[in-house]
Amino acid sequence: MSEKMISRRDAFSLLGLAAALGFALPSEVLTASDAEAQAQTTAPAPSGGTVGMQRRHARRTGRHERRHARRTGRHERRETRRGGGEATEKK
């Protein structure tokens, strides 16, 4: 009676092939199910958008207002620093 031994190289080759096959096959093939998908029925979003969209809009509006206030203040400070348009004489 002859016993066939598998070499280490062959064992790693088989292991690599099994891993490649596992990654190559899509999960649907591996886990087939007879269940039917249900149609998703959701109510339409209100005219104002979802709660998340409303929060985002409020954040953006706040950012724009703060940015505008910063720019206006910056321009006013520059005008004051530069003499406010008045002619100044140096002696």
Protein backbone atom coordinates (compact mmCIF):
# COMPACT_ATOMS: atom_id res chain seq x y z
CA MET A 1 0.00 0.00 0.00
CA SER A 2 1.43 3.36 -1.01
CA GLU A 3 0.69 6.51 0.89
CA LYS A 4 0.75 9.76 -1.06
CA MET A 5 2.12 12.73 0.87
CA ILE A 6 1.40 16.31 -0.18
CA SER A 7 4.31 18.70 -0.12
CA ARG A 8 4.32 21.97 1.72
CA ARG A 9 4.50 23.85 -1.57
CA ASP A 10 1.41 22.05 -2.89
CA ALA A 11 -0.48 22.70 0.35
CA PHE A 12 0.21 26.44 0.17
CA SER A 13 -0.75 26.45 -3.51
CA LEU A 14 -4.10 24.86 -2.70
CA LEU A 15 -4.64 27.28 0.17
CA GLY A 16 -3.93 30.24 -2.12
CA LEU A 17 -6.33 28.95 -4.75
CA ALA A 18 -9.07 28.50 -2.15
CA ALA A 19 -8.54 32.05 -0.86
CA ALA A 20 -8.59 33.51 -4.38
CA LEU A 21 -11.77 31.61 -5.17
CA GLY A 22 -13.36 32.87 -1.95
CA PHE A 23 -12.62 36.49 -2.85
CA ALA A 24 -13.60 36.07 -6.50
CA LEU A 25 -17.08 34.66 -5.91
CA PRO A 26 -19.71 37.24 -5.05
CA SER A 27 -21.41 36.94 -1.70
CA GLU A 28 -24.79 36.32 -3.36
CA VAL A 29 -23.51 33.08 -4.84
CA LEU A 30 -22.12 31.90 -1.54
CA THR A 31 -25.22 32.77 0.49
CA ALA A 32 -28.18 32.14 -1.78
CA SER A 33 -31.57 32.84 -0.26
CA ASP A 34 -35.11 32.23 -1.48
CA ALA A 35 -36.45 35.34 0.27
CA GLU A 36 -38.04 37.98 -1.92
CA ALA A 37 -37.04 41.61 -1.57
CA GLN A 38 -39.75 43.87 -0.21
CA ALA A 39 -40.68 47.03 -2.04
CA GLN A 40 -39.62 50.00 0.02
CA THR A 41 -42.51 52.38 0.63
CA THR A 42 -41.50 55.65 2.21
CA ALA A 43 -43.44 58.86 2.48
CA PRO A 44 -42.15 61.69 0.27
CA ALA A 45 -39.94 64.24 1.97
CA PRO A 46 -41.68 67.43 3.13
CA SER A 47 -41.21 70.53 1.00
CA GLY A 48 -38.63 71.88 3.44
CA GLY A 49 -36.47 68.79 3.02
CA THR A 50 -35.42 66.26 5.58
CA VAL A 51 -34.35 67.17 9.09
CA GLY A 52 -30.71 66.67 8.13
CA MET A 53 -31.04 68.96 5.14
CA GLN A 54 -32.67 71.64 7.29
CA ARG A 55 -29.83 71.44 9.84
CA ARG A 56 -27.27 71.70 7.04
CA HIS A 57 -29.03 74.72 5.57
CA ALA A 58 -29.10 76.42 8.99
CA ARG A 59 -25.36 75.76 9.48
CA ARG A 60 -24.54 77.12 6.05
CA THR A 61 -26.67 80.23 6.58
CA GLY A 62 -24.93 80.87 9.90
CA ARG A 63 -21.51 80.47 8.29
CA HIS A 64 -22.38 82.91 5.52
CA GLU A 65 -23.65 85.51 7.99
CA ARG A 66 -20.53 85.21 10.18
CA ARG A 67 -18.28 85.45 7.12
CA HIS A 68 -20.12 88.56 5.90
CA ALA A 69 -19.83 90.19 9.35
CA ARG A 70 -16.09 89.45 9.45
CA ARG A 71 -15.53 90.95 6.02
CA THR A 72 -17.59 94.05 6.77
CA GLY A 73 -15.73 94.60 10.05
CA ARG A 74 -12.39 94.09 8.33
CA HIS A 75 -13.18 96.70 5.68
CA GLU A 76 -14.38 99.19 8.31
CA ARG A 77 -11.20 98.73 10.37
CA ARG A 78 -9.06 99.27 7.29
CA GLU A 79 -10.90 102.47 6.42
CA THR A 80 -10.45 103.76 9.98
CA ARG A 81 -6.77 102.84 9.99
CA ARG A 82 -6.18 104.50 6.62
CA GLY A 83 -7.74 107.77 7.73
CA GLY A 84 -11.29 107.20 6.64
CA GLY A 85 -10.79 108.97 3.32
CA GLU A 86 -9.56 112.22 4.95
CA ALA A 87 -6.40 113.85 3.71
CA THR A 88 -3.71 113.84 6.43
CA GLU A 89 -0.60 116.01 6.36
CA LYS A 90 2.76 114.99 7.72
CA LYS A 91 5.08 117.65 9.15
